[in-house]
Amino acid sequence: MRWIIFIGIYVLVDIYAFQAVRTITSSRWIYGLYWLFTILVLGNMIYQVSTSTSGMASGGLSYAFGFLLSLFAPKLLLIIAMFGEDIVRFFVGIFNKFISGEGSYHFPERRKFVSAVALGLAAVPFASLLYGIYRGKYQFRVLNYVLEYEDLPEAFDGYRITQISDVHSGSFNNKEKVAYGVDLINQQKSDLILFTGDLVNNKAEEMLPWKDLFGSLDAKDGVYSVLGNHDYGDYVQWPTKEEKVDNLDQLKSLQKEMGWKLLLNEHDTIQKGNDTIKIVGVENWGAGGFKKMGDLDKASAGLTEQDFKILLSHDPSYWAEKIKDDAKKFQLTLSGHTHGMQFGIEIPGLIKWSPVQYRYEQWAGIYEDLGRYINVNRGFGFLGYPGRVGIWPEVSVIELRKKAKTS
């Protein structure tokens, strides 16, 4: 039923958007190409939905969705512009009948200029979404932050952390470009690498082609990780419960084989001389319908407010729900999950916007509350829409500095 409703809406949008094409040309060849392209993209989406066993996250279905979105989103923008013109046309018709003295009501013809401008505007998201699929998804960038703490142990002044998140290995299709991203992580030569969940889309086997590559991540104090909501295999059908459990066990084993230390509601200690910091990792906890396996109290058992703690929590909603107000004072939380929706506009110092901000208050970058910080990484990989526009794949580098105490 949902697909019947969607197809109905898609067809209505297409018919309405087609009016702009008819206004600026009478070429039957262009009409034919318009509808042929529309039918092929929609048909491919229906075919992929009916045959896919891996869900929206992976393979042909992901790209079918990406091309459908690239075609559909611009048409929505197009009909908004056309609807505005139709409102004007409606009132012009009213004016002609009751005020101008014509005595008849008729819609004025569409203006070619308006349709041409609307099509030009629609071309922008169309080209952007296609660019996001072709290049944007591997346009890795390094974001550097410096955070100061009065209670940072002296030995860790200048300590560098690289954070990555949301690899979603089942979506990758270019080993050379992914290898470039991994090399970029190692080039930062941080003391510690932290991964904040969603290694796969659904199944542990997705990581097998990338195991050696991500196993090459190297930092003096190692690589730590936590699980994200997609790592539990909740978004595909499993023949038996045992197979689902076995899949999660395989994913845990893979991380161990890669040399990563997976934290499952537990913590570890990094020591430099007589000073220590604690690396705390919770399982996924997400607001709404997301899996709630995270247990902050269990993960931090035995720790005190005086310990300097770096917490890994895949979903940033746990920070707002519990972490930032916890009496044990978690100085720094690292999260991911939002991907910045893989779409938005970011111009440093001017604008930072994505539709995902209406769902998550902390959705990308550094946030602070009462001296407690969270960094929400925009993600290394991609999911669903197989691309990125404006919100590029990210490697976060955070340098911890000792702040002089104020008197």
Protein backbone atom coordinates (compact mmCIF):
# COMPACT_ATOMS: atom_id res chain seq x y z
CA MET A 1 0.00 0.00 0.00
CA ARG A 2 2.82 2.43 0.85
CA TRP A 3 4.40 1.85 -2.53
CA ILE A 4 1.08 2.40 -4.32
CA ILE A 5 0.70 5.73 -2.50
CA PHE A 6 4.30 6.68 -3.32
CA ILE A 7 3.94 5.81 -7.01
CA GLY A 8 0.70 7.80 -7.14
CA ILE A 9 2.40 10.86 -5.62
CA TYR A 10 5.42 10.42 -7.90
CA VAL A 11 3.21 10.32 -11.01
CA LEU A 12 1.19 13.38 -9.92
CA VAL A 13 4.40 15.34 -9.24
CA ASP A 14 5.74 14.31 -12.64
CA ILE A 15 2.60 15.33 -14.49
CA TYR A 16 2.60 18.71 -12.79
CA ALA A 17 6.33 19.26 -13.32
CA PHE A 18 5.93 18.30 -16.98
CA GLN A 19 3.87 21.45 -17.51
CA ALA A 20 7.05 23.52 -17.25
CA VAL A 21 8.63 21.47 -20.04
CA ARG A 22 5.54 21.89 -22.22
CA THR A 23 5.61 25.63 -21.67
CA ILE A 24 9.10 26.14 -23.08
CA THR A 25 9.13 23.56 -25.89
CA SER A 26 6.76 21.67 -28.19
CA SER A 27 9.35 19.03 -29.14
CA ARG A 28 7.90 15.53 -28.96
CA TRP A 29 11.45 14.16 -28.71
CA ILE A 30 12.00 16.06 -25.49
CA TYR A 31 8.59 14.95 -24.20
CA GLY A 32 9.47 11.35 -24.97
CA LEU A 33 12.87 11.56 -23.30
CA TYR A 34 11.31 13.18 -20.22
CA TRP A 35 8.84 10.33 -19.72
CA LEU A 36 11.25 7.58 -20.76
CA PHE A 37 13.83 8.72 -18.20
CA THR A 38 11.13 9.06 -15.53
CA ILE A 39 9.74 5.58 -16.19
CA LEU A 40 13.19 3.94 -16.28
CA VAL A 41 14.24 5.47 -12.94
CA LEU A 42 10.95 4.59 -11.24
CA GLY A 43 10.91 1.12 -12.80
CA ASN A 44 14.46 0.42 -11.61
CA MET A 45 13.49 1.47 -8.09
CA ILE A 46 10.48 -0.85 -8.07
CA TYR A 47 12.60 -3.71 -9.44
CA GLN A 48 15.34 -3.23 -6.84
CA VAL A 49 12.81 -3.06 -3.99
CA SER A 50 11.18 -6.30 -5.14
CA THR A 51 14.45 -8.22 -5.53
CA SER A 52 16.77 -6.80 -2.87
CA THR A 53 17.58 -8.89 0.19
CA SER A 54 20.02 -6.44 1.76
CA GLY A 55 17.67 -3.53 2.47
CA MET A 56 17.92 0.11 1.46
CA ALA A 57 21.42 0.41 2.83
CA SER A 58 23.36 -1.57 0.26
CA GLY A 59 23.90 -2.44 -3.36
CA GLY A 60 21.69 -1.69 -6.33
CA LEU A 61 18.76 -0.52 -4.22
CA SER A 62 20.86 2.24 -2.70
CA TYR A 63 21.83 3.56 -6.12
CA ALA A 64 18.27 3.18 -7.43
CA PHE A 65 17.14 5.33 -4.52
CA GLY A 66 19.93 7.83 -5.19
CA PHE A 67 18.93 8.30 -8.83
CA LEU A 68 15.25 8.49 -7.89
CA LEU A 69 16.03 11.17 -5.30
CA SER A 70 18.19 13.06 -7.82
CA LEU A 71 15.21 13.19 -10.18
CA PHE A 72 12.38 13.62 -7.69
CA ALA A 73 13.79 16.33 -5.39
CA PRO A 74 14.35 18.87 -8.22
CA LYS A 75 10.80 18.27 -9.46
CA LEU A 76 9.46 19.10 -6.02
CA LEU A 77 11.32 22.41 -6.19
CA LEU A 78 9.99 22.90 -9.70
CA ILE A 79 6.35 22.44 -8.73
CA ILE A 80 6.73 24.82 -5.77
CA ALA A 81 7.73 27.56 -8.24
CA MET A 82 4.96 26.57 -10.64
CA PHE A 83 2.37 26.43 -7.88
CA GLY A 84 3.30 29.99 -6.95
CA GLU A 85 2.67 31.03 -10.54
CA ASP A 86 -0.65 29.16 -10.55
CA ILE A 87 -1.80 31.10 -7.48
CA VAL A 88 -1.08 34.33 -9.35
CA ARG A 89 -2.85 33.00 -12.45
CA PHE A 90 -5.89 32.11 -10.34
CA PHE A 91 -6.24 35.62 -8.93
CA VAL A 92 -5.62 37.18 -12.34
CA GLY A 93 -8.55 35.10 -13.61
CA ILE A 94 -10.71 36.37 -10.73
CA PHE A 95 -9.67 39.93 -11.56
CA ASN A 96 -10.56 39.47 -15.23
CA LYS A 97 -14.04 38.16 -14.43
CA PHE A 98 -15.18 40.49 -11.66
CA ILE A 99 -13.09 43.66 -11.90
CA SER A 100 -11.65 44.24 -15.38
CA GLY A 101 -15.02 43.93 -17.06
CA GLU A 102 -14.13 40.99 -19.32
CA GLY A 103 -16.98 39.03 -17.75
CA SER A 104 -15.32 35.64 -18.22
CA TYR A 105 -12.98 33.62 -16.09
CA HIS A 106 -9.91 32.02 -17.62
CA PHE A 107 -6.43 31.10 -16.52
CA PRO A 108 -3.75 33.18 -18.23
CA GLU A 109 -1.22 31.08 -20.09
CA ARG A 110 1.95 30.06 -18.32
CA ARG A 111 4.87 32.37 -18.97
CA LYS A 112 7.91 30.82 -20.61
CA PHE A 113 10.18 33.00 -18.50
CA VAL A 114 8.80 31.60 -15.21
CA SER A 115 9.05 27.98 -16.40
CA ALA A 116 12.59 28.55 -17.68
CA VAL A 117 13.68 30.06 -14.35
CA ALA A 118 12.00 27.21 -12.44
CA LEU A 119 13.77 24.61 -14.58
CA GLY A 120 17.06 26.41 -14.06
CA LEU A 121 16.57 26.38 -10.29
CA ALA A 122 15.64 22.68 -10.36
CA ALA A 123 18.84 21.93 -12.26
CA VAL A 124 20.89 22.97 -9.21
CA PRO A 125 19.77 20.16 -6.83
CA PHE A 126 19.69 17.73 -9.76
CA ALA A 127 23.34 18.38 -10.59
CA SER A 128 24.31 18.54 -6.90
CA LEU A 129 22.75 15.19 -6.06
CA LEU A 130 24.40 13.53 -9.04
CA TYR A 131 27.74 15.10 -8.08
CA GLY A 132 27.24 13.77 -4.55
CA ILE A 133 26.91 10.25 -5.95
CA TYR A 134 29.79 10.57 -8.40
CA ARG A 135 32.37 12.34 -6.21
CA GLY A 136 31.00 13.82 -2.99
CA LYS A 137 30.79 10.57 -1.05
CA TYR A 138 34.59 10.17 -1.11
CA GLN A 139 35.49 13.82 -0.68
CA PHE A 140 37.20 13.25 2.67
CA ARG A 141 38.24 16.19 4.80
CA VAL A 142 40.08 16.59 8.09
CA LEU A 143 38.55 18.85 10.73
CA ASN A 144 40.85 19.98 13.54
CA TYR A 145 39.72 21.06 17.01
CA VAL A 146 41.54 22.17 20.15
CA LEU A 147 39.75 21.67 23.47
CA GLU A 148 41.04 23.06 26.76
CA TYR A 149 40.37 21.55 30.19
CA GLU A 150 41.47 22.63 33.63
CA ASP A 151 41.33 19.05 34.87
CA LEU A 152 43.30 17.47 32.01
CA PRO A 153 46.25 15.52 33.50
CA GLU A 154 49.56 17.28 32.79
CA ALA A 155 51.05 14.36 30.86
CA PHE A 156 48.20 14.55 28.33
CA ASP A 157 48.67 18.21 27.45
CA GLY A 158 48.83 18.20 23.62
CA TYR A 159 47.38 14.68 23.34
CA ARG A 160 45.88 14.09 19.88
CA ILE A 161 42.83 11.98 19.13
CA THR A 162 41.52 11.03 15.70
CA GLN A 163 37.85 10.13 15.57
CA ILE A 164 36.06 8.37 12.73
CA SER A 165 32.49 7.15 12.67
CA ASP A 166 29.86 5.46 10.51
CA VAL A 167 32.07 3.55 8.08
CA HIS A 168 29.09 1.63 6.63
CA SER A 169 31.43 -0.65 4.72
CA GLY A 170 28.57 -2.34 2.87
CA SER A 171 28.07 0.86 0.88
CA PHE A 172 31.63 1.19 -0.45
CA ASN A 173 32.39 0.51 -4.11
CA ASN A 174 35.82 2.07 -4.69
CA LYS A 175 38.78 0.54 -2.85
CA GLU A 176 41.27 3.12 -4.07
CA LYS A 177 39.29 6.04 -2.69
CA VAL A 178 38.51 4.31 0.59
CA ALA A 179 42.23 3.50 0.91
CA TYR A 180 42.93 7.21 0.44
CA GLY A 181 40.58 7.97 3.34
CA VAL A 182 42.26 5.39 5.58
CA ASP A 183 45.69 6.75 4.68
CA LEU A 184 44.43 10.24 5.54
CA ILE A 185 43.56 8.97 9.04
CA ASN A 186 47.03 7.53 9.54
CA GLN A 187 48.65 10.71 8.24
CA GLN A 188 47.29 12.59 11.27
CA LYS A 189 49.71 10.59 13.48
CA SER A 190 47.44 10.95 16.49
CA ASP A 191 48.14 9.27 19.79
CA LEU A 192 44.79 7.48 19.71
CA ILE A 193 42.15 6.52 17.12
CA LEU A 194 38.53 6.20 18.24
CA PHE A 195 35.70 4.73 16.15
CA THR A 196 32.14 5.54 17.19
CA GLY A 197 30.04 2.84 15.58
CA ASP A 198 28.24 1.55 12.46
CA LEU A 199 31.04 -0.45 10.90
CA VAL A 200 28.54 -2.17 8.57
CA ASN A 201 25.08 -1.57 7.18
CA ASN A 202 23.61 -4.88 8.26
CA LYS A 203 25.93 -7.89 8.08
CA ALA A 204 29.42 -8.64 9.32
CA GLU A 205 30.38 -10.09 5.91
CA GLU A 206 30.21 -6.57 4.44
CA MET A 207 33.43 -5.78 6.28
CA LEU A 208 35.45 -8.72 4.95
CA PRO A 209 36.75 -6.95 1.78
CA TRP A 210 37.84 -3.98 3.93
CA LYS A 211 39.19 -5.82 6.95
CA ASP A 212 42.89 -5.57 6.06
CA LEU A 213 42.56 -1.93 5.00
CA PHE A 214 40.94 -0.76 8.25
CA GLY A 215 43.18 -3.12 10.17
CA SER A 216 46.07 -0.94 9.01
CA LEU A 217 44.88 1.99 11.14
CA ASP A 218 47.71 2.77 13.50
CA ALA A 219 48.12 4.91 16.60
CA LYS A 220 50.57 4.75 19.50
CA ASP A 221 47.84 4.05 22.06
CA GLY A 222 45.74 1.90 19.76
CA VAL A 223 42.28 1.91 18.17
CA TYR A 224 39.12 1.74 20.30
CA SER A 225 35.58 1.24 19.04
CA VAL A 226 31.92 0.90 20.02
CA LEU A 227 28.84 -0.49 18.27
CA GLY A 228 26.29 1.59 16.38
CA ASN A 229 22.64 0.82 15.70
CA HIS A 230 23.37 -0.79 12.31
CA ASP A 231 25.95 -3.17 13.76
CA TYR A 232 23.29 -5.26 15.51
CA GLY A 233 21.71 -6.46 12.24
CA ASP A 234 18.27 -5.14 13.12
CA TYR A 235 17.39 -3.85 9.64
CA VAL A 236 17.30 -7.13 7.71
CA GLN A 237 15.33 -10.34 8.12
CA TRP A 238 17.24 -13.29 9.60
CA PRO A 239 16.11 -16.91 9.09
CA THR A 240 16.73 -17.61 12.78
CA LYS A 241 17.60 -15.68 15.93
CA GLU A 242 20.78 -17.72 16.17
CA GLU A 243 22.03 -16.41 12.83
CA LYS A 244 21.49 -12.84 13.95
CA VAL A 245 23.42 -13.48 17.17
CA ASP A 246 26.18 -15.20 15.21
CA ASN A 247 26.41 -12.20 12.87
CA LEU A 248 27.04 -9.86 15.81
CA ASP A 249 29.62 -12.25 17.22
CA GLN A 250 31.39 -12.28 13.86
CA LEU A 251 31.45 -8.49 13.80
CA LYS A 252 32.98 -8.39 17.27
CA SER A 253 35.58 -10.95 16.25
CA LEU A 254 36.44 -9.00 13.10
CA GLN A 255 37.23 -5.92 15.14
CA LYS A 256 39.49 -7.93 17.41
CA GLU A 257 41.28 -9.40 14.37
CA MET A 258 41.75 -5.84 13.03
CA GLY A 259 43.51 -4.93 16.26
CA TRP A 260 40.67 -2.76 17.55
CA LYS A 261 39.57 -2.84 21.17
CA LEU A 262 35.77 -2.96 21.22
CA LEU A 263 34.24 -1.47 24.37
CA LEU A 264 30.88 -2.99 25.32
CA ASN A 265 29.59 -0.91 28.23
CA GLU A 266 33.06 -0.90 29.76
CA HIS A 267 36.15 1.27 30.04
CA ASP A 268 39.91 1.09 29.70
CA THR A 269 42.85 3.13 30.98
CA ILE A 270 45.61 4.92 29.08
CA GLN A 271 48.60 5.79 31.24
CA LYS A 272 51.45 8.26 30.72
CA GLY A 273 53.81 8.31 33.67
CA ASN A 274 51.66 8.74 36.77
CA ASP A 275 48.75 10.29 34.85
CA THR A 276 45.80 8.48 33.28
CA ILE A 277 42.76 9.09 31.14
CA LYS A 278 39.81 6.74 30.88
CA ILE A 279 38.31 5.60 27.58
CA VAL A 280 34.66 4.71 28.19
CA GLY A 281 32.53 2.95 25.61
CA VAL A 282 28.78 2.40 25.70
CA GLU A 283 26.74 0.28 23.35
CA ASN A 284 24.16 2.02 21.19
CA TRP A 285 21.51 4.11 22.92
CA GLY A 286 19.23 6.18 20.72
CA ALA A 287 16.16 8.29 21.39
CA GLY A 288 12.88 7.17 19.86
CA GLY A 289 12.77 3.73 18.29
CA PHE A 290 16.52 3.12 18.16
CA LYS A 291 18.15 0.28 20.09
CA LYS A 292 18.85 1.09 23.73
CA MET A 293 21.71 -1.17 24.78
CA GLY A 294 23.92 1.56 26.21
CA ASP A 295 24.50 1.45 29.97
CA LEU A 296 26.52 4.42 31.15
CA ASP A 297 26.48 3.37 34.78
CA LYS A 298 27.88 -0.07 33.95
CA ALA A 299 30.47 1.35 31.56
CA SER A 300 31.76 3.82 34.14
CA ALA A 301 31.56 1.60 37.22
CA GLY A 302 34.44 2.45 39.56
CA LEU A 303 35.20 5.80 37.94
CA THR A 304 34.91 9.11 39.76
CA GLU A 305 34.31 12.74 38.89
CA GLN A 306 38.05 13.38 39.22
CA ASP A 307 38.97 10.93 36.44
CA PHE A 308 39.42 12.51 33.01
CA LYS A 309 37.09 10.58 30.73
CA ILE A 310 36.58 10.31 26.98
CA LEU A 311 33.28 8.61 26.21
CA LEU A 312 32.34 6.86 22.97
CA SER A 313 28.58 6.85 22.34
CA HIS A 314 27.36 6.27 18.78
CA ASP A 315 24.11 8.23 19.04
CA PRO A 316 24.42 11.84 20.29
CA SER A 317 20.93 11.75 21.78
CA TYR A 318 22.40 9.80 24.73
CA TRP A 319 24.55 12.86 25.54
CA ALA A 320 21.46 15.05 25.82
CA GLU A 321 19.48 12.35 27.65
CA LYS A 322 21.99 11.36 30.33
CA ILE A 323 25.69 11.87 29.69
CA LYS A 324 26.12 15.64 29.93
CA ASP A 325 24.31 15.87 33.27
CA ASP A 326 25.83 12.77 34.84
CA ALA A 327 27.44 13.40 38.23
CA LYS A 328 30.66 11.65 37.15
CA LYS A 329 31.34 14.49 34.69
CA PHE A 330 32.24 13.10 31.28
CA GLN A 331 34.55 15.76 29.93
CA LEU A 332 34.45 14.69 26.28
CA THR A 333 31.92 12.59 24.39
CA LEU A 334 32.43 11.42 20.82
CA SER A 335 29.43 10.45 18.68
CA GLY A 336 28.34 10.00 15.08
CA HIS A 337 25.09 8.51 13.74
CA THR A 338 23.55 11.60 12.10
CA HIS A 339 25.85 11.72 9.02
CA GLY A 340 24.80 15.38 8.90
CA MET A 341 22.09 13.74 6.77
CA GLN A 342 24.76 13.68 4.02
CA PHE A 343 23.14 16.86 2.73
CA GLY A 344 23.37 20.47 3.82
CA ILE A 345 25.17 23.77 3.55
CA GLU A 346 28.24 24.62 5.60
CA ILE A 347 30.16 27.86 5.17
CA PRO A 348 32.44 28.41 8.18
CA GLY A 349 31.43 31.50 10.12
CA LEU A 350 28.32 32.08 8.00
CA ILE A 351 25.96 29.15 7.80
CA LYS A 352 25.63 25.60 9.07
CA TRP A 353 22.39 23.92 8.03
CA SER A 354 21.02 20.48 7.32
CA PRO A 355 17.49 19.07 7.61
CA VAL A 356 18.81 16.67 10.26
CA GLN A 357 19.10 19.56 12.73
CA TYR A 358 15.32 19.41 13.16
CA ARG A 359 15.73 15.88 14.51
CA TYR A 360 19.00 16.20 16.49
CA GLU A 361 20.07 19.26 18.45
CA GLN A 362 23.69 18.08 18.30
CA TRP A 363 24.17 16.92 14.73
CA ALA A 364 27.64 17.91 13.47
CA GLY A 365 30.77 19.32 15.08
CA ILE A 366 31.60 20.50 18.61
CA TYR A 367 28.97 21.40 21.21
CA GLU A 368 29.52 22.48 24.83
CA ASP A 369 27.43 22.54 27.97
CA LEU A 370 28.87 23.49 31.37
CA GLY A 371 32.39 22.67 30.23
CA ARG A 372 31.43 19.25 28.90
CA TYR A 373 31.94 18.77 25.18
CA ILE A 374 30.58 16.50 22.48
CA ASN A 375 31.90 16.10 18.96
CA VAL A 376 29.40 14.68 16.46
CA ASN A 377 31.39 13.29 13.55
CA ARG A 378 29.72 13.61 10.13
CA GLY A 379 30.71 10.07 9.23
CA PHE A 380 33.33 8.38 7.06
CA GLY A 381 30.92 6.44 4.84
CA PHE A 382 27.38 6.85 3.56
CA LEU A 383 24.02 5.11 3.81
CA GLY A 384 20.78 5.10 1.83
CA TYR A 385 21.49 7.93 -0.60
CA PRO A 386 24.86 6.81 -2.04
CA GLY A 387 26.46 10.23 -1.93
CA ARG A 388 27.08 13.46 -0.04
CA VAL A 389 26.24 17.06 -0.86
CA GLY A 390 27.70 19.85 1.25
CA ILE A 391 28.25 17.55 4.26
CA TRP A 392 31.48 15.78 3.35
CA PRO A 393 32.95 12.59 4.88
CA GLU A 394 34.95 13.55 7.93
CA VAL A 395 38.05 12.69 9.91
CA SER A 396 38.01 14.56 13.23
CA VAL A 397 41.29 15.42 14.97
CA ILE A 398 40.97 16.72 18.53
CA GLU A 399 43.92 18.06 20.49
CA LEU A 400 43.55 18.19 24.26
CA ARG A 401 45.23 21.10 26.03
CA LYS A 402 45.76 21.88 29.69
CA LYS A 403 43.98 25.08 30.64
CA ALA A 404 45.34 27.25 33.42
CA LYS A 405 43.00 27.29 36.40
CA THR A 406 41.23 30.56 37.03
CA SER A 407 41.48 31.97 40.52
